[in-house]
Amino acid sequence: MSKLPQLLEKAIAFDGGDARRIQHFLKVYAFADLIGRLENLPAKTQEILVTAAVLHDIGIHRAEEKYGSTSGHYQELEGPAPAREILTDLNYDTQVIDRVCYLIAHHHTYHSIDGPDYQILIEADFLVNAYEDQLKPDAICTFRDTIFRTSSGIYLLNTMFSL
């Protein structure tokens, strides 16, 4: 039985009062889920991917409080601890928890991508950030050409932004 509804509920409660951040992680989750399905990920990898997508920015509030910044580096530092706590409370498998925490700790690190879950998380987050941050087409194309690897992610990016 999927723990996703309970995970989403906890993540929404964790970010309660911050509709912008809740909207962001829900969109990243939706794109990650879609790309993972289009890329035919194995079930366990898909579970890790969507779990990481829901929790990828969970350290953003702590980063803001502790460092006065929402920079990706600080999110990577502060995200794994609350994610591990939530996933442990929901009785996720230790291997899933460890991989999800690894992905959260690296979701703004674009080198040494070591698996399809990592690749797709970065692509899904960028799809949402490019829109939310109103990136210029040149910046979107540069990121696509240097970072994107999945045919589904490239297709979605090109289609969404008419590239």
N, C-alpha and C. Protein backbone atom coordinates (compact mmCIF):
# COMPACT_ATOMS: atom_id res chain seq x y z
N MET A 1 0.84 -1.19 0.00
CA MET A 1 0.00 0.00 0.00
C MET A 1 0.88 1.25 0.00
N SER A 2 0.58 2.18 -0.85
CA SER A 2 1.36 3.40 -0.98
C SER A 2 1.22 4.29 0.25
N LYS A 3 2.33 4.85 0.63
CA LYS A 3 2.35 5.80 1.75
C LYS A 3 2.28 7.24 1.25
N LEU A 4 2.15 7.40 -0.06
CA LEU A 4 2.18 8.73 -0.67
C LEU A 4 1.13 9.69 -0.12
N PRO A 5 -0.13 9.28 0.06
CA PRO A 5 -1.10 10.24 0.62
C PRO A 5 -0.67 10.77 2.00
N GLN A 6 -0.17 9.88 2.85
CA GLN A 6 0.27 10.31 4.18
C GLN A 6 1.52 11.21 4.08
N LEU A 7 2.41 10.88 3.15
CA LEU A 7 3.60 11.70 2.95
C LEU A 7 3.20 13.10 2.50
N LEU A 8 2.31 13.18 1.53
CA LEU A 8 1.86 14.49 1.05
C LEU A 8 1.20 15.28 2.17
N GLU A 9 0.39 14.62 2.97
CA GLU A 9 -0.27 15.29 4.09
C GLU A 9 0.76 15.86 5.07
N LYS A 10 1.78 15.06 5.41
CA LYS A 10 2.82 15.53 6.34
C LYS A 10 3.64 16.67 5.73
N ALA A 11 3.95 16.57 4.45
CA ALA A 11 4.74 17.62 3.79
C ALA A 11 3.96 18.92 3.73
N ILE A 12 2.67 18.83 3.45
CA ILE A 12 1.84 20.03 3.41
C ILE A 12 1.75 20.65 4.81
N ALA A 13 1.59 19.83 5.82
CA ALA A 13 1.55 20.34 7.20
C ALA A 13 2.88 20.97 7.58
N PHE A 14 3.99 20.35 7.18
CA PHE A 14 5.32 20.87 7.49
C PHE A 14 5.49 22.28 6.92
N ASP A 15 4.99 22.49 5.70
CA ASP A 15 5.09 23.80 5.05
C ASP A 15 3.83 24.64 5.24
N GLY A 16 3.00 24.27 6.21
CA GLY A 16 1.74 24.98 6.45
C GLY A 16 1.93 26.48 6.51
N GLY A 17 1.04 27.21 5.87
CA GLY A 17 1.12 28.67 5.84
C GLY A 17 1.98 29.20 4.71
N ASP A 18 2.65 28.31 3.97
CA ASP A 18 3.52 28.72 2.87
C ASP A 18 3.00 28.10 1.57
N ALA A 19 1.92 28.64 1.08
CA ALA A 19 1.24 28.08 -0.10
C ALA A 19 2.17 28.02 -1.31
N ARG A 20 3.04 28.99 -1.45
CA ARG A 20 3.97 29.02 -2.60
C ARG A 20 4.86 27.79 -2.60
N ARG A 21 5.42 27.44 -1.46
CA ARG A 21 6.32 26.29 -1.38
C ARG A 21 5.54 24.98 -1.53
N ILE A 22 4.35 24.92 -0.99
CA ILE A 22 3.52 23.73 -1.15
C ILE A 22 3.19 23.54 -2.63
N GLN A 23 2.77 24.61 -3.29
CA GLN A 23 2.49 24.54 -4.73
C GLN A 23 3.73 24.07 -5.49
N HIS A 24 4.89 24.57 -5.10
CA HIS A 24 6.13 24.21 -5.79
C HIS A 24 6.40 22.71 -5.68
N PHE A 25 6.39 22.17 -4.47
CA PHE A 25 6.75 20.76 -4.36
C PHE A 25 5.69 19.86 -4.98
N LEU A 26 4.42 20.28 -4.98
CA LEU A 26 3.39 19.48 -5.64
C LEU A 26 3.61 19.44 -7.16
N LYS A 27 4.04 20.55 -7.73
CA LYS A 27 4.33 20.57 -9.17
C LYS A 27 5.56 19.74 -9.49
N VAL A 28 6.60 19.84 -8.67
CA VAL A 28 7.80 19.02 -8.90
C VAL A 28 7.45 17.55 -8.79
N TYR A 29 6.65 17.20 -7.79
CA TYR A 29 6.19 15.82 -7.63
C TYR A 29 5.46 15.35 -8.89
N ALA A 30 4.55 16.17 -9.41
CA ALA A 30 3.77 15.77 -10.59
C ALA A 30 4.66 15.55 -11.81
N PHE A 31 5.61 16.45 -12.04
CA PHE A 31 6.52 16.28 -13.18
C PHE A 31 7.45 15.08 -12.97
N ALA A 32 7.95 14.90 -11.77
CA ALA A 32 8.82 13.75 -11.50
C ALA A 32 8.07 12.45 -11.73
N ASP A 33 6.85 12.38 -11.23
CA ASP A 33 6.03 11.19 -11.41
C ASP A 33 5.81 10.92 -12.90
N LEU A 34 5.45 11.94 -13.64
CA LEU A 34 5.20 11.79 -15.07
C LEU A 34 6.46 11.34 -15.81
N ILE A 35 7.56 12.02 -15.60
CA ILE A 35 8.79 11.66 -16.31
C ILE A 35 9.21 10.23 -15.94
N GLY A 36 9.14 9.91 -14.66
CA GLY A 36 9.51 8.56 -14.24
C GLY A 36 8.66 7.50 -14.91
N ARG A 37 7.37 7.76 -15.02
CA ARG A 37 6.48 6.80 -15.69
C ARG A 37 6.77 6.72 -17.19
N LEU A 38 6.98 7.88 -17.82
CA LEU A 38 7.30 7.88 -19.25
C LEU A 38 8.63 7.19 -19.54
N GLU A 39 9.55 7.27 -18.58
CA GLU A 39 10.87 6.62 -18.73
C GLU A 39 10.85 5.18 -18.24
N ASN A 40 9.68 4.70 -17.82
CA ASN A 40 9.50 3.30 -17.39
C ASN A 40 10.45 2.89 -16.26
N LEU A 41 10.54 3.72 -15.24
CA LEU A 41 11.39 3.39 -14.10
C LEU A 41 10.84 2.16 -13.38
N PRO A 42 11.72 1.36 -12.81
CA PRO A 42 11.25 0.26 -11.95
C PRO A 42 10.48 0.83 -10.77
N ALA A 43 9.55 0.06 -10.22
CA ALA A 43 8.66 0.53 -9.16
C ALA A 43 9.42 1.12 -7.97
N LYS A 44 10.48 0.47 -7.51
CA LYS A 44 11.22 0.96 -6.34
C LYS A 44 11.89 2.31 -6.64
N THR A 45 12.45 2.45 -7.84
CA THR A 45 13.09 3.71 -8.23
C THR A 45 12.04 4.81 -8.34
N GLN A 46 10.88 4.47 -8.88
CA GLN A 46 9.78 5.44 -8.99
C GLN A 46 9.33 5.90 -7.60
N GLU A 47 9.24 4.97 -6.66
CA GLU A 47 8.85 5.31 -5.29
C GLU A 47 9.87 6.28 -4.67
N ILE A 48 11.14 6.00 -4.85
CA ILE A 48 12.19 6.87 -4.32
C ILE A 48 12.09 8.24 -4.97
N LEU A 49 11.92 8.27 -6.28
CA LEU A 49 11.84 9.52 -7.02
C LEU A 49 10.70 10.40 -6.52
N VAL A 50 9.48 9.86 -6.45
CA VAL A 50 8.35 10.70 -6.07
C VAL A 50 8.44 11.12 -4.60
N THR A 51 9.00 10.26 -3.77
CA THR A 51 9.18 10.62 -2.36
C THR A 51 10.17 11.78 -2.24
N ALA A 52 11.27 11.69 -2.96
CA ALA A 52 12.26 12.77 -2.94
C ALA A 52 11.68 14.05 -3.53
N ALA A 53 10.86 13.93 -4.57
CA ALA A 53 10.26 15.11 -5.18
C ALA A 53 9.36 15.85 -4.19
N VAL A 54 8.59 15.11 -3.42
CA VAL A 54 7.71 15.74 -2.43
C VAL A 54 8.54 16.48 -1.38
N LEU A 55 9.65 15.88 -0.97
CA LEU A 55 10.43 16.43 0.16
C LEU A 55 11.67 17.23 -0.27
N HIS A 56 11.90 17.41 -1.55
CA HIS A 56 13.18 17.95 -2.01
C HIS A 56 13.54 19.31 -1.40
N ASP A 57 12.59 20.16 -1.15
CA ASP A 57 12.87 21.50 -0.59
C ASP A 57 12.51 21.62 0.89
N ILE A 58 12.40 20.52 1.58
CA ILE A 58 11.92 20.55 2.96
C ILE A 58 12.85 21.33 3.90
N GLY A 59 14.08 21.51 3.50
CA GLY A 59 15.03 22.26 4.33
C GLY A 59 15.02 23.75 4.11
N ILE A 60 14.13 24.23 3.26
CA ILE A 60 14.17 25.65 2.87
C ILE A 60 13.87 26.60 4.03
N HIS A 61 12.91 26.25 4.88
CA HIS A 61 12.60 27.13 6.01
C HIS A 61 13.74 27.17 7.01
N ARG A 62 14.29 26.00 7.30
CA ARG A 62 15.42 25.94 8.24
C ARG A 62 16.62 26.70 7.68
N ALA A 63 16.85 26.61 6.37
CA ALA A 63 17.95 27.34 5.74
C ALA A 63 17.74 28.85 5.88
N GLU A 64 16.51 29.28 5.69
CA GLU A 64 16.17 30.70 5.82
C GLU A 64 16.43 31.19 7.25
N GLU A 65 15.99 30.39 8.21
CA GLU A 65 16.17 30.76 9.62
C GLU A 65 17.64 30.76 10.02
N LYS A 66 18.35 29.72 9.63
CA LYS A 66 19.72 29.51 10.09
C LYS A 66 20.74 30.37 9.35
N TYR A 67 20.55 30.54 8.02
CA TYR A 67 21.54 31.23 7.19
C TYR A 67 21.01 32.52 6.57
N GLY A 68 19.72 32.80 6.73
CA GLY A 68 19.14 33.97 6.10
C GLY A 68 19.10 33.85 4.58
N SER A 69 19.08 32.62 4.09
CA SER A 69 19.15 32.38 2.65
C SER A 69 18.39 31.11 2.29
N THR A 70 17.80 31.12 1.10
CA THR A 70 17.15 29.91 0.59
C THR A 70 18.00 29.26 -0.50
N SER A 71 19.26 29.61 -0.56
CA SER A 71 20.17 29.07 -1.57
C SER A 71 20.13 27.54 -1.57
N GLY A 72 20.28 26.98 -2.76
CA GLY A 72 20.23 25.53 -2.93
C GLY A 72 21.20 24.80 -2.03
N HIS A 73 22.38 25.36 -1.86
CA HIS A 73 23.39 24.72 -1.00
C HIS A 73 22.87 24.56 0.42
N TYR A 74 22.23 25.58 0.94
CA TYR A 74 21.71 25.51 2.31
C TYR A 74 20.51 24.57 2.41
N GLN A 75 19.69 24.53 1.35
CA GLN A 75 18.59 23.56 1.33
C GLN A 75 19.14 22.13 1.39
N GLU A 76 20.21 21.90 0.65
CA GLU A 76 20.83 20.57 0.64
C GLU A 76 21.35 20.20 2.02
N LEU A 77 21.90 21.16 2.74
CA LEU A 77 22.41 20.91 4.09
C LEU A 77 21.29 20.64 5.09
N GLU A 78 20.22 21.39 5.00
CA GLU A 78 19.18 21.36 6.03
C GLU A 78 18.02 20.42 5.73
N GLY A 79 17.92 19.92 4.51
CA GLY A 79 16.79 19.09 4.14
C GLY A 79 16.77 17.65 4.63
N PRO A 80 17.91 16.96 4.64
CA PRO A 80 17.87 15.54 5.00
C PRO A 80 17.32 15.24 6.40
N ALA A 81 17.63 16.03 7.39
CA ALA A 81 17.19 15.71 8.77
C ALA A 81 15.66 15.69 8.90
N PRO A 82 14.95 16.74 8.49
CA PRO A 82 13.49 16.66 8.62
C PRO A 82 12.88 15.60 7.69
N ALA A 83 13.49 15.38 6.55
CA ALA A 83 12.99 14.33 5.65
C ALA A 83 13.12 12.96 6.31
N ARG A 84 14.27 12.71 6.90
CA ARG A 84 14.50 11.43 7.57
C ARG A 84 13.49 11.23 8.69
N GLU A 85 13.21 12.28 9.43
CA GLU A 85 12.24 12.19 10.53
C GLU A 85 10.84 11.84 10.02
N ILE A 86 10.40 12.51 8.97
CA ILE A 86 9.08 12.26 8.39
C ILE A 86 9.00 10.83 7.85
N LEU A 87 10.01 10.43 7.10
CA LEU A 87 9.99 9.10 6.48
C LEU A 87 10.09 7.99 7.52
N THR A 88 10.83 8.24 8.59
CA THR A 88 10.91 7.26 9.68
C THR A 88 9.56 7.14 10.37
N ASP A 89 8.91 8.29 10.62
CA ASP A 89 7.57 8.27 11.24
C ASP A 89 6.56 7.49 10.40
N LEU A 90 6.75 7.51 9.08
CA LEU A 90 5.84 6.81 8.17
C LEU A 90 6.30 5.37 7.88
N ASN A 91 7.33 4.95 8.58
CA ASN A 91 7.84 3.57 8.45
C ASN A 91 8.32 3.21 7.05
N TYR A 92 8.98 4.15 6.38
CA TYR A 92 9.61 3.85 5.10
C TYR A 92 10.80 2.93 5.33
N ASP A 93 11.10 2.13 4.34
CA ASP A 93 12.25 1.24 4.36
C ASP A 93 13.54 2.07 4.48
N THR A 94 14.50 1.57 5.23
CA THR A 94 15.76 2.29 5.46
C THR A 94 16.48 2.62 4.15
N GLN A 95 16.47 1.70 3.20
CA GLN A 95 17.13 1.97 1.91
C GLN A 95 16.46 3.13 1.18
N VAL A 96 15.15 3.19 1.24
CA VAL A 96 14.42 4.29 0.61
C VAL A 96 14.75 5.59 1.32
N ILE A 97 14.72 5.59 2.63
CA ILE A 97 15.04 6.80 3.41
C ILE A 97 16.44 7.30 3.07
N ASP A 98 17.41 6.40 3.06
CA ASP A 98 18.79 6.81 2.78
C ASP A 98 18.94 7.42 1.39
N ARG A 99 18.32 6.80 0.40
CA ARG A 99 18.44 7.33 -0.97
C ARG A 99 17.69 8.65 -1.11
N VAL A 100 16.52 8.76 -0.52
CA VAL A 100 15.77 10.01 -0.59
C VAL A 100 16.57 11.14 0.07
N CYS A 101 17.15 10.86 1.22
CA CYS A 101 17.96 11.88 1.90
C CYS A 101 19.19 12.27 1.07
N TYR A 102 19.78 11.29 0.40
CA TYR A 102 20.90 11.59 -0.50
C TYR A 102 20.44 12.52 -1.62
N LEU A 103 19.31 12.21 -2.22
CA LEU A 103 18.81 13.04 -3.32
C LEU A 103 18.50 14.46 -2.84
N ILE A 104 17.91 14.58 -1.67
CA ILE A 104 17.62 15.90 -1.12
C ILE A 104 18.92 16.67 -0.88
N ALA A 105 19.93 15.97 -0.40
CA ALA A 105 21.22 16.59 -0.10
C ALA A 105 22.02 16.94 -1.36
N HIS A 106 21.50 16.57 -2.53
CA HIS A 106 22.22 16.84 -3.78
C HIS A 106 21.35 17.43 -4.89
N HIS A 107 20.12 17.81 -4.60
CA HIS A 107 19.21 18.19 -5.67
C HIS A 107 19.54 19.51 -6.36
N HIS A 108 20.53 20.24 -5.85
CA HIS A 108 21.03 21.43 -6.53
C HIS A 108 22.47 21.23 -6.98
N THR A 109 22.92 19.99 -6.99
CA THR A 109 24.27 19.64 -7.43
C THR A 109 24.12 18.92 -8.76
N TYR A 110 24.64 19.53 -9.82
CA TYR A 110 24.36 19.04 -11.16
C TYR A 110 25.49 18.22 -11.78
N HIS A 111 26.48 17.89 -11.01
CA HIS A 111 27.54 17.00 -11.50
C HIS A 111 27.47 15.70 -10.70
N SER A 112 28.01 14.67 -11.24
CA SER A 112 28.02 13.35 -10.59
C SER A 112 26.62 12.80 -10.35
N ILE A 113 25.72 13.04 -11.26
CA ILE A 113 24.37 12.46 -11.16
C ILE A 113 24.51 10.95 -11.32
N ASP A 114 24.03 10.21 -10.33
CA ASP A 114 24.35 8.79 -10.27
C ASP A 114 23.15 7.85 -10.45
N GLY A 115 22.08 8.32 -11.02
CA GLY A 115 20.95 7.43 -11.23
C GLY A 115 19.78 8.14 -11.87
N PRO A 116 18.84 7.38 -12.41
CA PRO A 116 17.68 8.01 -13.06
C PRO A 116 16.80 8.78 -12.08
N ASP A 117 16.74 8.36 -10.82
CA ASP A 117 15.95 9.10 -9.84
C ASP A 117 16.53 10.50 -9.63
N TYR A 118 17.83 10.57 -9.52
CA TYR A 118 18.54 11.85 -9.35
C TYR A 118 18.34 12.72 -10.59
N GLN A 119 18.56 12.14 -11.77
CA GLN A 119 18.42 12.88 -13.03
C GLN A 119 17.02 13.45 -13.17
N ILE A 120 16.03 12.65 -12.94
CA ILE A 120 14.65 13.08 -13.14
C ILE A 120 14.22 14.10 -12.10
N LEU A 121 14.70 13.96 -10.87
CA LEU A 121 14.39 14.97 -9.84
C LEU A 121 14.92 16.34 -10.27
N ILE A 122 16.13 16.38 -10.77
CA ILE A 122 16.70 17.65 -11.22
C ILE A 122 15.90 18.22 -12.40
N GLU A 123 15.52 17.36 -13.33
CA GLU A 123 14.75 17.83 -14.48
C GLU A 123 13.38 18.35 -14.05
N ALA A 124 12.70 17.62 -13.18
CA ALA A 124 11.37 18.04 -12.73
C ALA A 124 11.45 19.37 -11.97
N ASP A 125 12.44 19.52 -11.11
CA ASP A 125 12.60 20.76 -10.36
C ASP A 125 12.88 21.92 -11.31
N PHE A 126 13.70 21.68 -12.32
CA PHE A 126 13.99 22.74 -13.29
C PHE A 126 12.76 23.12 -14.10
N LEU A 127 11.97 22.14 -14.51
CA LEU A 127 10.74 22.45 -15.25
C LEU A 127 9.87 23.43 -14.48
N VAL A 128 9.78 23.23 -13.19
CA VAL A 128 8.96 24.12 -12.35
C VAL A 128 9.68 25.45 -12.11
N ASN A 129 10.97 25.40 -11.78
CA ASN A 129 11.72 26.63 -11.51
C ASN A 129 11.81 27.54 -12.74
N ALA A 130 11.96 26.96 -13.92
CA ALA A 130 12.06 27.77 -15.14
C ALA A 130 10.81 28.61 -15.32
N TYR A 131 9.66 28.01 -15.02
CA TYR A 131 8.40 28.75 -15.12
C TYR A 131 8.24 29.75 -13.97
N GLU A 132 8.44 29.26 -12.74
CA GLU A 132 8.22 30.13 -11.58
C GLU A 132 9.18 31.32 -11.56
N ASP A 133 10.40 31.10 -12.03
CA ASP A 133 11.41 32.17 -12.04
C ASP A 133 11.42 32.95 -13.35
N GLN A 134 10.53 32.60 -14.26
CA GLN A 134 10.41 33.26 -15.56
C GLN A 134 11.77 33.37 -16.25
N LEU A 135 12.45 32.24 -16.35
CA LEU A 135 13.76 32.22 -17.01
C LEU A 135 13.62 32.54 -18.49
N LYS A 136 14.64 33.16 -19.02
CA LYS A 136 14.67 33.50 -20.45
C LYS A 136 14.97 32.23 -21.26
N PRO A 137 14.47 32.19 -22.50
CA PRO A 137 14.69 31.00 -23.34
C PRO A 137 16.15 30.58 -23.46
N ASP A 138 17.07 31.54 -23.55
CA ASP A 138 18.49 31.19 -23.66
C ASP A 138 18.97 30.41 -22.43
N ALA A 139 18.54 30.84 -21.25
CA ALA A 139 18.94 30.15 -20.01
C ALA A 139 18.33 28.76 -19.96
N ILE A 140 17.09 28.64 -20.39
CA ILE A 140 16.42 27.33 -20.40
C ILE A 140 17.13 26.39 -21.36
N CYS A 141 17.47 26.88 -22.55
CA CYS A 141 18.16 26.04 -23.54
C CYS A 141 19.54 25.61 -23.05
N THR A 142 20.24 26.50 -22.41
CA THR A 142 21.57 26.16 -21.88
C THR A 142 21.47 25.05 -20.84
N PHE A 143 20.52 25.19 -19.92
CA PHE A 143 20.34 24.15 -18.90
C PHE A 143 19.93 22.84 -19.55
N ARG A 144 19.00 22.92 -20.48
CA ARG A 144 18.56 21.70 -21.19
C ARG A 144 19.75 21.01 -21.85
N ASP A 145 20.55 21.77 -22.57
CA ASP A 145 21.64 21.18 -23.35
C ASP A 145 22.77 20.64 -22.48
N THR A 146 22.90 21.17 -21.27
CA THR A 146 24.00 20.70 -20.42
C THR A 146 23.58 19.72 -19.34
N ILE A 147 22.32 19.74 -18.92
CA ILE A 147 21.91 18.94 -17.77
C ILE A 147 20.86 17.88 -18.12
N PHE A 148 19.88 18.22 -18.91
CA PHE A 148 18.80 17.26 -19.20
C PHE A 148 19.34 16.05 -19.96
N ARG A 149 18.84 14.87 -19.62
CA ARG A 149 19.25 13.63 -20.28
C ARG A 149 18.09 12.76 -20.72
N THR A 150 16.94 12.86 -20.03
CA THR A 150 15.84 11.96 -20.38
C THR A 150 15.09 12.52 -21.59
N SER A 151 14.67 11.64 -22.46
CA SER A 151 13.92 12.10 -23.64
C SER A 151 12.58 12.72 -23.21
N SER A 152 11.98 12.18 -22.15
CA SER A 152 10.70 12.72 -21.67
C SER A 152 10.87 14.12 -21.09
N GLY A 153 11.90 14.32 -20.29
CA GLY A 153 12.16 15.64 -19.71
C GLY A 153 12.46 16.67 -20.79
N ILE A 154 13.26 16.29 -21.77
CA ILE A 154 13.59 17.21 -22.87
C ILE A 154 12.32 17.55 -23.65
N TYR A 155 11.50 16.55 -23.93
CA TYR A 155 10.26 16.78 -24.66
C TYR A 155 9.36 17.75 -23.89
N LEU A 156 9.18 17.51 -22.59
CA LEU A 156 8.32 18.38 -21.78
C LEU A 156 8.85 19.81 -21.76
N LEU A 157 10.15 19.96 -21.57
CA LEU A 157 10.76 21.30 -21.53
C LEU A 157 10.56 22.00 -22.88
N ASN A 158 10.89 21.32 -23.96
CA ASN A 158 10.74 21.92 -25.29
C ASN A 158 9.29 22.28 -25.58
N THR A 159 8.37 21.42 -25.19
CA THR A 159 6.96 21.66 -25.46
C THR A 159 6.40 22.79 -24.61
N MET A 160 6.73 22.78 -23.32
CA MET A 160 6.20 23.81 -22.41
C MET A 160 6.67 25.20 -22.81
N PHE A 161 7.93 25.30 -23.22
CA PHE A 161 8.51 26.62 -23.48
C PHE A 161 8.67 26.90 -24.98
N SER A 162 8.05 26.09 -25.83
CA SER A 162 8.10 26.27 -27.29
C SER A 162 9.54 26.46 -27.78
N LEU A 163 10.39 25.53 -27.38
CA LEU A 163 11.82 25.63 -27.78
C LEU A 163 12.07 24.82 -29.04
